[in-house]
C-alpha atoms as a PDB file:
ATOM      1  CA  MET A   1      59.940-143.008 150.320  1.00  0.00           C
ATOM      2  CA  ARG A   2      58.688-141.448 147.113  1.00  0.00           C
ATOM      3  CA  LYS A   3      59.051-144.775 145.326  1.00  0.00           C
ATOM      4  CA  ASN A   4      56.907-146.440 147.985  1.00  0.00           C
ATOM      5  CA  LYS A   5      54.255-143.752 147.655  1.00  0.00           C
ATOM      6  CA  SER A   6      54.315-144.072 143.862  1.00  0.00           C
ATOM      7  CA  GLY A   7      53.944-147.820 144.156  1.00  0.00           C
ATOM      8  CA  LEU A   8      51.058-147.541 146.572  1.00  0.00           C
ATOM      9  CA  PHE A   9      49.355-144.975 144.333  1.00  0.00           C
ATOM     10  CA  LEU A  10      49.724-147.298 141.335  1.00  0.00           C
ATOM     11  CA  LEU A  11      48.266-150.200 143.321  1.00  0.00           C
ATOM     12  CA  TYR A  12      45.392-147.932 144.364  1.00  0.00           C
ATOM     13  CA  LEU A  13      44.683-147.018 140.729  1.00  0.00           C
ATOM     14  CA  LEU A  14      44.803-150.649 139.647  1.00  0.00           C
ATOM     15  CA  GLY A  15      42.491-151.664 142.482  1.00  0.00           C
ATOM     16  CA  ALA A  16      40.059-148.859 141.664  1.00  0.00           C
ATOM     17  CA  ALA A  17      40.077-149.827 137.974  1.00  0.00           C
ATOM     18  CA  PHE A  18      39.416-153.463 138.891  1.00  0.00           C
ATOM     19  CA  LEU A  19      36.544-152.454 141.176  1.00  0.00           C
ATOM     20  CA  VAL A  20      35.013-150.272 138.463  1.00  0.00           C
ATOM     21  CA  MET A  21      35.285-153.173 136.010  1.00  0.00           C
ATOM     22  CA  ILE A  22      33.498-155.525 138.430  1.00  0.00           C
ATOM     23  CA  LEU A  23      30.773-152.965 139.146  1.00  0.00           C
ATOM     24  CA  ASN A  24      30.306-152.319 135.438  1.00  0.00           C
ATOM     25  CA  THR A  25      30.043-156.064 134.730  1.00  0.00           C
ATOM     26  CA  ASN A  26      27.477-156.467 137.523  1.00  0.00           C
ATOM     27  CA  LEU A  27      25.435-153.547 136.232  1.00  0.00           C
ATOM     28  CA  LYS A  28      25.434-154.986 132.720  1.00  0.00           C
ATOM     29  CA  MET A  29      24.369-158.387 134.045  1.00  0.00           C
ATOM     30  CA  ARG A  30      21.565-156.834 136.104  1.00  0.00           C
ATOM     31  CA  ALA A  31      20.413-154.958 133.013  1.00  0.00           C
ATOM     32  CA  ARG A  32      20.420-158.221 131.012  1.00  0.00           C
ATOM     33  CA  LEU A  33      18.434-160.033 133.669  1.00  0.00           C
ATOM     34  CA  THR A  34      15.626-157.490 133.415  1.00  0.00           C
ATOM     35  CA  LYS A  35      15.065-158.891 129.918  1.00  0.00           C
ATOM     36  CA  LEU A  36      13.202-161.771 131.550  1.00  0.00           C
ATOM     37  CA  ASN A  37      10.018-160.559 133.215  1.00  0.00           C
ATOM     38  CA  ASP A  38       6.266-161.106 133.179  1.00  0.00           C
ATOM     39  CA  THR A  39       5.904-159.395 129.780  1.00  0.00           C
ATOM     40  CA  THR A  40       8.758-161.152 127.957  1.00  0.00           C
ATOM     41  CA  ILE A  41       6.537-163.649 126.131  1.00  0.00           C
ATOM     42  CA  PHE A  42       4.457-160.777 124.749  1.00  0.00           C
ATOM     43  CA  SER A  43       7.488-159.011 123.257  1.00  0.00           C
ATOM     44  CA  ASP A  44       8.256-158.832 119.534  1.00  0.00           C
ATOM     45  CA  GLU A  45      11.637-160.395 120.250  1.00  0.00           C
ATOM     46  CA  PHE A  46      10.112-163.486 121.844  1.00  0.00           C
ATOM     47  CA  ARG A  47       7.431-163.799 119.162  1.00  0.00           C
ATOM     48  CA  SER A  48      10.037-163.672 116.375  1.00  0.00           C
ATOM     49  CA  HIS A  49      11.676-166.640 118.152  1.00  0.00           C
ATOM     50  CA  GLU A  50      15.108-166.107 116.618  1.00  0.00           C
ATOM     51  CA  ILE A  51      17.295-169.138 117.341  1.00  0.00           C
ATOM     52  CA  GLY A  52      20.122-168.835 114.807  1.00  0.00           C
ATOM     53  CA  GLU A  53      21.951-171.413 112.725  1.00  0.00           C
ATOM     54  CA  GLU A  54      24.478-172.520 115.352  1.00  0.00           C
ATOM     55  CA  ASN A  55      21.824-173.122 117.996  1.00  0.00           C
ATOM     56  CA  LEU A  56      19.651-174.840 115.395  1.00  0.00           C
ATOM     57  CA  LYS A  57      22.337-177.508 114.946  1.00  0.00           C
ATOM     58  CA  ILE A  58      22.317-178.154 118.692  1.00  0.00           C
ATOM     59  CA  LEU A  59      18.525-178.373 118.908  1.00  0.00           C
ATOM     60  CA  LYS A  60      18.359-180.842 116.014  1.00  0.00           C
ATOM     61  CA  GLU A  61      20.496-183.262 117.999  1.00  0.00           C
ATOM     62  CA  MET A  62      18.235-183.102 121.069  1.00  0.00           C
ATOM     63  CA  GLN A  63      15.189-185.153 121.949  1.00  0.00           C
ATOM     64  CA  PRO A  64      11.997-183.092 121.432  1.00  0.00           C
ATOM     65  CA  GLU A  65      11.186-183.039 125.158  1.00  0.00           C
ATOM     66  CA  ASP A  66      14.517-181.313 125.871  1.00  0.00           C
ATOM     67  CA  ARG A  67      14.266-178.595 123.240  1.00  0.00           C
ATOM     68  CA  GLY A  68      11.920-176.169 124.988  1.00  0.00           C
ATOM     69  CA  THR A  69      14.157-175.389 127.964  1.00  0.00           C
ATOM     70  CA  SER A  70      17.241-175.189 125.756  1.00  0.00           C
ATOM     71  CA  ALA A  71      15.519-172.879 123.265  1.00  0.00           C
ATOM     72  CA  ALA A  72      14.401-170.680 126.154  1.00  0.00           C
ATOM     73  CA  LEU A  73      18.007-170.268 127.318  1.00  0.00           C
ATOM     74  CA  MET A  74      19.282-169.780 123.791  1.00  0.00           C
ATOM     75  CA  MET A  75      16.984-166.817 123.220  1.00  0.00           C
ATOM     76  CA  LEU A  76      18.196-165.290 126.483  1.00  0.00           C
ATOM     77  CA  ARG A  77      21.810-165.850 125.337  1.00  0.00           C
ATOM     78  CA  GLY A  78      22.379-167.934 128.451  1.00  0.00           C
ATOM     79  CA  PHE A  79      22.823-171.378 126.914  1.00  0.00           C
ATOM     80  CA  GLU A  80      26.339-171.088 125.524  1.00  0.00           C
ATOM     81  CA  ASN A  81      27.621-168.944 128.404  1.00  0.00           C
ATOM     82  CA  GLY A  82      26.696-171.371 131.159  1.00  0.00           C
ATOM     83  CA  GLU A  83      24.408-168.828 132.799  1.00  0.00           C
ATOM     84  CA  GLU A  84      21.453-171.160 133.357  1.00  0.00           C
ATOM     85  CA  LYS A  85      21.262-170.574 137.104  1.00  0.00           C
ATOM     86  CA  LEU A  86      21.102-166.802 136.649  1.00  0.00           C
ATOM     87  CA  TRP A  87      18.027-167.121 134.470  1.00  0.00           C
ATOM     88  CA  THR A  88      16.308-170.046 136.162  1.00  0.00           C
ATOM     89  CA  SER A  89      16.335-168.197 139.470  1.00  0.00           C
ATOM     90  CA  ARG A  90      14.323-165.328 138.006  1.00  0.00           C
ATOM     91  CA  PRO A  91      10.643-165.174 139.162  1.00  0.00           C
ATOM     92  CA  ALA A  92       9.418-165.084 135.549  1.00  0.00           C
ATOM     93  CA  TRP A  93      11.476-168.090 134.447  1.00  0.00           C
ATOM     94  CA  ARG A  94       8.837-170.789 134.931  1.00  0.00           C
ATOM     95  CA  ALA A  95       6.132-169.120 132.818  1.00  0.00           C
ATOM     96  CA  TYR A  96       8.676-168.217 130.144  1.00  0.00           C
ATOM     97  CA  ARG A  97      10.093-171.756 130.045  1.00  0.00           C
ATOM     98  CA  ASP A  98       6.604-173.296 129.960  1.00  0.00           C
ATOM     99  CA  ALA A  99       5.705-171.108 126.975  1.00  0.00           C
ATOM    100  CA  CYS A 100       8.776-172.324 125.097  1.00  0.00           C
ATOM    101  CA  CYS A 101       8.115-175.945 126.030  1.00  0.00           C
ATOM    102  CA  ALA A 102       4.511-175.684 124.834  1.00  0.00           C
ATOM    103  CA  ILE A 103       5.631-175.072 121.254  1.00  0.00           C
ATOM    104  CA  TRP A 104       8.930-176.976 121.126  1.00  0.00           C
ATOM    105  CA  ASN A 105       8.557-180.146 123.187  1.00  0.00           C
ATOM    106  CA  GLU A 106       5.643-181.658 121.277  1.00  0.00           C
ATOM    107  CA  ALA A 107       6.746-180.754 117.745  1.00  0.00           C
ATOM    108  CA  ILE A 108       7.644-184.189 116.375  1.00  0.00           C
ATOM    109  CA  TYR A 109       7.145-184.328 112.598  1.00  0.00           C
ATOM    110  CA  PHE A 110       7.498-181.954 109.670  1.00  0.00           C
ATOM    111  CA  PRO A 111       3.933-181.281 108.434  1.00  0.00           C
ATOM    112  CA  VAL A 112       4.474-182.329 104.803  1.00  0.00           C
ATOM    113  CA  PRO A 113       5.831-185.855 104.134  1.00  0.00           C
ATOM    114  CA  ASN A 114       8.279-186.795 101.405  1.00  0.00           C
ATOM    115  CA  SER A 115       6.944-188.552  98.329  1.00  0.00           C
ATOM    116  CA  ASN A 116       8.479-192.005  97.858  1.00  0.00           C
ATOM    117  CA  VAL A 117       7.254-191.955  94.264  1.00  0.00           C
ATOM    118  CA  HIS A 118       8.254-188.508  92.999  1.00  0.00           C
ATOM    119  CA  GLU A 119      11.429-187.071  94.543  1.00  0.00           C
ATOM    120  CA  GLU A 120      10.745-183.756  92.844  1.00  0.00           C
ATOM    121  CA  TYR A 121       7.596-183.215  94.919  1.00  0.00           C
ATOM    122  CA  GLN A 122       9.157-181.001  97.547  1.00  0.00           C
ATOM    123  CA  VAL A 123       8.229-177.950  99.609  1.00  0.00           C
ATOM    124  CA  HIS A 124      10.391-174.953 100.346  1.00  0.00           C
ATOM    125  CA  PHE A 125      10.034-172.130 102.834  1.00  0.00           C
ATOM    126  CA  THR A 126      11.746-169.012 104.111  1.00  0.00           C
ATOM    127  CA  ASP A 127      11.491-166.907 107.243  1.00  0.00           C
ATOM    128  CA  SER A 128       8.598-164.669 106.203  1.00  0.00           C
ATOM    129  CA  TRP A 129       7.639-163.656 109.753  1.00  0.00           C
ATOM    130  CA  MET A 130       5.834-160.304 109.727  1.00  0.00           C
ATOM    131  CA  ASN A 131       6.307-159.763 105.990  1.00  0.00           C
ATOM    132  CA  GLU A 132       3.595-157.469 104.663  1.00  0.00           C
ATOM    133  CA  ARG A 133       0.262-158.923 103.590  1.00  0.00           C
ATOM    134  CA  THR A 134      -2.469-156.758 102.102  1.00  0.00           C
ATOM    135  CA  TYR A 135      -5.630-158.849 101.678  1.00  0.00           C
ATOM    136  CA  GLY A 136      -8.218-157.365 104.025  1.00  0.00           C
ATOM    137  CA  GLY A 137      -5.853-154.507 104.947  1.00  0.00           C
ATOM    138  CA  LYS A 138      -2.152-154.259 105.670  1.00  0.00           C
ATOM    139  CA  ARG A 139      -0.849-156.648 108.294  1.00  0.00           C
ATOM    140  CA  GLY A 140       2.177-158.720 109.201  1.00  0.00           C
ATOM    141  CA  HIS A 141       2.433-162.368 108.171  1.00  0.00           C
ATOM    142  CA  GLU A 142       2.022-164.396 111.362  1.00  0.00           C
ATOM    143  CA  GLY A 143       3.309-167.728 110.147  1.00  0.00           C
ATOM    144  CA  THR A 144       5.418-169.651 107.648  1.00  0.00           C
ATOM    145  CA  ASP A 145       4.335-170.694 104.158  1.00  0.00           C
ATOM    146  CA  LEU A 146       5.433-174.078 102.827  1.00  0.00           C
ATOM    147  CA  MET A 147       5.349-173.664  99.057  1.00  0.00           C
ATOM    148  CA  ALA A 148       4.705-176.699  96.840  1.00  0.00           C
ATOM    149  CA  SER A 149       7.144-177.381  93.984  1.00  0.00           C
ATOM    150  CA  LYS A 150       4.217-178.974  92.122  1.00  0.00           C
ATOM    151  CA  ASP A 151       1.369-176.453  92.086  1.00  0.00           C
ATOM    152  CA  VAL A 152      -1.457-178.997  92.294  1.00  0.00           C
ATOM    153  CA  PRO A 153      -4.067-178.602  95.061  1.00  0.00           C
ATOM    154  CA  GLY A 154      -5.011-181.837  96.785  1.00  0.00           C
ATOM    155  CA  LEU A 155      -1.727-183.578  95.931  1.00  0.00           C
ATOM    156  CA  TYR A 156       0.446-183.077  99.024  1.00  0.00           C
ATOM    157  CA  PRO A 157      -0.689-184.742 102.270  1.00  0.00           C
ATOM    158  CA  VAL A 158      -0.487-182.726 105.496  1.00  0.00           C
ATOM    159  CA  VAL A 159       0.198-184.431 108.832  1.00  0.00           C
ATOM    160  CA  SER A 160      -0.040-183.203 112.388  1.00  0.00           C
ATOM    161  CA  ILE A 161       3.183-181.810 113.803  1.00  0.00           C
ATOM    162  CA  SER A 162       2.202-182.866 117.313  1.00  0.00           C
ATOM    163  CA  ASP A 163      -0.156-184.944 119.376  1.00  0.00           C
ATOM    164  CA  GLY A 164      -3.240-182.967 120.298  1.00  0.00           C
ATOM    165  CA  THR A 165      -6.940-182.239 120.033  1.00  0.00           C
ATOM    166  CA  VAL A 166      -8.753-180.784 117.036  1.00  0.00           C
ATOM    167  CA  MET A 167     -10.079-177.478 118.352  1.00  0.00           C
ATOM    168  CA  ASN A 168     -11.151-175.800 115.113  1.00  0.00           C
ATOM    169  CA  LYS A 169     -12.097-176.980 111.660  1.00  0.00           C
ATOM    170  CA  GLY A 170     -13.757-175.099 108.823  1.00  0.00           C
ATOM    171  CA  TRP A 171     -13.589-172.005 106.670  1.00  0.00           C
ATOM    172  CA  LEU A 172     -11.899-168.696 107.426  1.00  0.00           C
ATOM    173  CA  GLU A 173     -11.861-165.924 104.842  1.00  0.00           C
ATOM    174  CA  ARG A 174      -8.107-165.424 105.066  1.00  0.00           C
ATOM    175  CA  GLY A 175      -7.145-168.999 105.900  1.00  0.00           C
ATOM    176  CA  GLY A 176      -9.513-170.913 103.660  1.00  0.00           C
ATOM    177  CA  TYR A 177     -10.176-174.436 104.873  1.00  0.00           C
ATOM    178  CA  ARG A 178      -8.151-174.696 108.056  1.00  0.00           C
ATOM    179  CA  ILE A 179      -7.688-176.938 111.039  1.00  0.00           C
ATOM    180  CA  GLY A 180      -6.330-176.020 114.471  1.00  0.00           C
ATOM    181  CA  ILE A 181      -4.793-178.558 116.857  1.00  0.00           C
ATOM    182  CA  LEU A 182      -4.016-177.882 120.517  1.00  0.00           C
ATOM    183  CA  SER A 183      -1.176-179.854 122.084  1.00  0.00           C
ATOM    184  CA  ALA A 184      -1.256-181.093 125.677  1.00  0.00           C
ATOM    185  CA  GLN A 185       1.172-178.408 126.848  1.00  0.00           C
ATOM    186  CA  GLY A 186      -0.827-175.587 125.269  1.00  0.00           C
ATOM    187  CA  GLY A 187       0.733-174.970 121.861  1.00  0.00           C
ATOM    188  CA  TYR A 188      -1.835-174.352 119.118  1.00  0.00           C
ATOM    189  CA  TYR A 189      -0.827-175.439 115.601  1.00  0.00           C
ATOM    190  CA  TYR A 190      -2.765-173.825 112.771  1.00  0.00           C
ATOM    191  CA  TYR A 191      -2.843-175.362 109.265  1.00  0.00           C
ATOM    192  CA  ALA A 192      -4.420-173.150 106.604  1.00  0.00           C
ATOM    193  CA  HIS A 193      -5.347-173.111 102.876  1.00  0.00           C
ATOM    194  CA  LEU A 194      -6.169-176.840 102.855  1.00  0.00           C
ATOM    195  CA  ASP A 195      -7.837-178.356  99.816  1.00  0.00           C
ATOM    196  CA  SER A 196      -9.621-181.046 101.844  1.00  0.00           C
ATOM    197  CA  TYR A 197      -9.655-182.709 105.256  1.00  0.00           C
ATOM    198  CA  ALA A 198      -8.978-186.160 106.601  1.00  0.00           C
ATOM    199  CA  ASP A 199     -11.825-187.830 108.477  1.00  0.00           C
ATOM    200  CA  LEU A 200     -11.586-185.597 111.562  1.00  0.00           C
ATOM    201  CA  GLU A 201     -14.021-183.532 113.572  1.00  0.00           C
ATOM    202  CA  GLU A 202     -13.646-180.976 116.347  1.00  0.00           C
ATOM    203  CA  GLY A 203     -12.892-182.746 119.618  1.00  0.00           C
ATOM    204  CA  ASP A 204     -11.052-185.649 117.991  1.00  0.00           C
ATOM    205  CA  THR A 205      -7.582-186.515 119.232  1.00  0.00           C
ATOM    206  CA  VAL A 206      -4.668-186.933 116.842  1.00  0.00           C
ATOM    207  CA  CYS A 207      -1.149-188.266 117.144  1.00  0.00           C
ATOM    208  CA  ALA A 208       1.914-186.646 115.638  1.00  0.00           C
ATOM    209  CA  GLY A 209       2.154-187.834 112.046  1.00  0.00           C
ATOM    210  CA  ASP A 210      -1.566-188.474 111.576  1.00  0.00           C
ATOM    211  CA  LEU A 211      -3.041-187.306 108.288  1.00  0.00           C
ATOM    212  CA  ILE A 212      -5.159-184.171 108.775  1.00  0.00           C
ATOM    213  CA  GLY A 213      -5.769-183.069 105.184  1.00  0.00           C
ATOM    214  CA  PHE A 214      -4.270-182.098 101.833  1.00  0.00           C
ATOM    215  CA  MET A 215      -2.471-178.936 100.798  1.00  0.00           C
ATOM    216  CA  GLY A 216      -4.486-176.505  98.687  1.00  0.00           C
ATOM    217  CA  ASN A 217      -4.974-172.885  97.643  1.00  0.00           C
ATOM    218  CA  THR A 218      -8.221-171.985  99.409  1.00  0.00           C
ATOM    219  CA  GLY A 219      -9.015-168.653 100.978  1.00  0.00           C
ATOM    220  CA  TYR A 220      -9.176-164.904 100.334  1.00  0.00           C
ATOM    221  CA  GLY A 221     -12.891-164.885  99.671  1.00  0.00           C
ATOM    222  CA  GLU A 222     -16.201-166.503 100.508  1.00  0.00           C
ATOM    223  CA  GLU A 223     -16.279-170.195 101.381  1.00  0.00           C
ATOM    224  CA  GLY A 224     -15.020-172.347  98.539  1.00  0.00           C
ATOM    225  CA  THR A 225     -12.789-169.682  96.984  1.00  0.00           C
ATOM    226  CA  LYS A 226      -9.748-171.304  95.347  1.00  0.00           C
ATOM    227  CA  GLY A 227      -6.802-170.301  93.187  1.00  0.00           C
ATOM    228  CA  MET A 228      -6.107-166.824  94.547  1.00  0.00           C
ATOM    229  CA  PHE A 229      -2.474-167.856  95.132  1.00  0.00           C
ATOM    230  CA  PRO A 230      -0.217-170.876  94.483  1.00  0.00           C
ATOM    231  CA  THR A 231      -0.691-174.140  96.354  1.00  0.00           C
ATOM    232  CA  HIS A 232       0.933-173.958  99.776  1.00  0.00           C
ATOM    233  CA  LEU A 233       0.456-174.707 103.455  1.00  0.00           C
ATOM    234  CA  HIS A 234       0.391-171.852 105.965  1.00  0.00           C
ATOM    235  CA  ILE A 235       1.619-172.914 109.399  1.00  0.00           C
ATOM    236  CA  GLY A 236       0.849-170.742 112.403  1.00  0.00           C
ATOM    237  CA  ILE A 237       1.795-171.366 116.025  1.00  0.00           C
ATOM    238  CA  TYR A 238      -0.046-169.719 118.911  1.00  0.00           C
ATOM    239  CA  LEU A 239       0.054-169.565 122.688  1.00  0.00           C
ATOM    240  CA  TYR A 240      -2.760-168.575 125.038  1.00  0.00           C
ATOM    241  CA  PRO A 241      -1.365-167.252 128.331  1.00  0.00           C
ATOM    242  CA  GLY A 242      -4.330-166.191 130.430  1.00  0.00           C
ATOM    243  CA  GLU A 243      -6.924-164.821 128.046  1.00  0.00           C
ATOM    244  CA  ASN A 244      -4.341-163.515 125.575  1.00  0.00           C
ATOM    245  CA  GLU A 245      -3.423-164.885 122.154  1.00  0.00           C
ATOM    246  CA  ILE A 246       0.212-164.741 121.047  1.00  0.00           C
ATOM    247  CA  SER A 247       1.454-165.757 117.613  1.00  0.00           C
ATOM    248  CA  VAL A 248       4.999-167.141 117.473  1.00  0.00           C
ATOM    249  CA  ASN A 249       7.262-167.517 114.443  1.00  0.00           C
ATOM    250  CA  PRO A 250       7.157-171.194 113.314  1.00  0.00           C
ATOM    251  CA  TYR A 251      10.220-170.912 111.047  1.00  0.00           C
ATOM    252  CA  TRP A 252      12.928-172.197 113.405  1.00  0.00           C
ATOM    253  CA  ILE A 253      10.738-174.987 114.729  1.00  0.00           C
ATOM    254  CA  LEU A 254      10.069-176.125 111.153  1.00  0.00           C
ATOM    255  CA  ARG A 255      13.802-175.955 110.429  1.00  0.00           C
ATOM    256  CA  THR A 256      14.388-178.254 113.394  1.00  0.00           C
ATOM    257  CA  LEU A 257      11.883-180.741 111.932  1.00  0.00           C
ATOM    258  CA  GLU A 258      13.254-180.746 108.368  1.00  0.00           C
ATOM    259  CA  GLU A 259      14.906-184.130 108.906  1.00  0.00           C
ATOM    260  CA  LYS A 260      11.814-185.527 110.672  1.00  0.00           C
ATOM    261  CA  LYS A 261       9.711-186.119 107.576  1.00  0.00           C
ATOM    262  CA  LEU A 262       7.478-189.116 107.080  1.00  0.00           C
ATOM    263  CA  SER A 263       7.357-190.818 103.697  1.00  0.00           C
ATOM    264  CA  CYS A 264       4.298-191.895 101.714  1.00  0.00           C
ATOM    265  CA  SER A 265       3.081-192.527  98.180  1.00  0.00           C
ATOM    266  CA  PHE A 266       1.742-189.508  96.275  1.00  0.00           C
END
């Protein structure tokens, strides 16, 4: 009789432990799901747009139009775990996914072509998101700088990453000669410190790969200021949900496009 009672008690303990484990797992999952809400795209975590090297390999193999949804799941840590349905059923999923698609799906070409004349004319870049900048007051760096191996303004051509419409063109004190292109899905690509422009005006439409200007070192002063820093191209990516402006780290998108470079003579 005692053995039966001991056995029943043991089964009771095992059952209780199993129930606690299930409840704990459910609570953790519920806590994770709260990560996706109406404010997610405004968070520092979303804006930093951390994809990671393993996910980067996967995205590189995808067609551009498939990358936005996959990147959205990757940042929620739901891609590799097969948890898509958990996230896609959330009320905030559609707006979150659309924001990711706006900046991933229409990114086709790397903005600086390869030279088919001088192999040494390269650009290099690192993840400098929110690194300190001091001109005009301390601030975080909201973009990625593509640094020229040959420090000659006007040498490197710059092409449009995406299809889109030229929304802004002209001088900014911090950005020098810049051009801003809005894609059809709402991603805004910002190209700064240009030396000169292609034959484009505000309102013109461009296709991915079209020439938009030449890399320079303009900015940090009144219009025409040059040489305050080495020749490079600053890339910024922005979203405009409602009346808000959100900057998003371009680094991982540029990494995805590294093998999508055009080639031309310069």
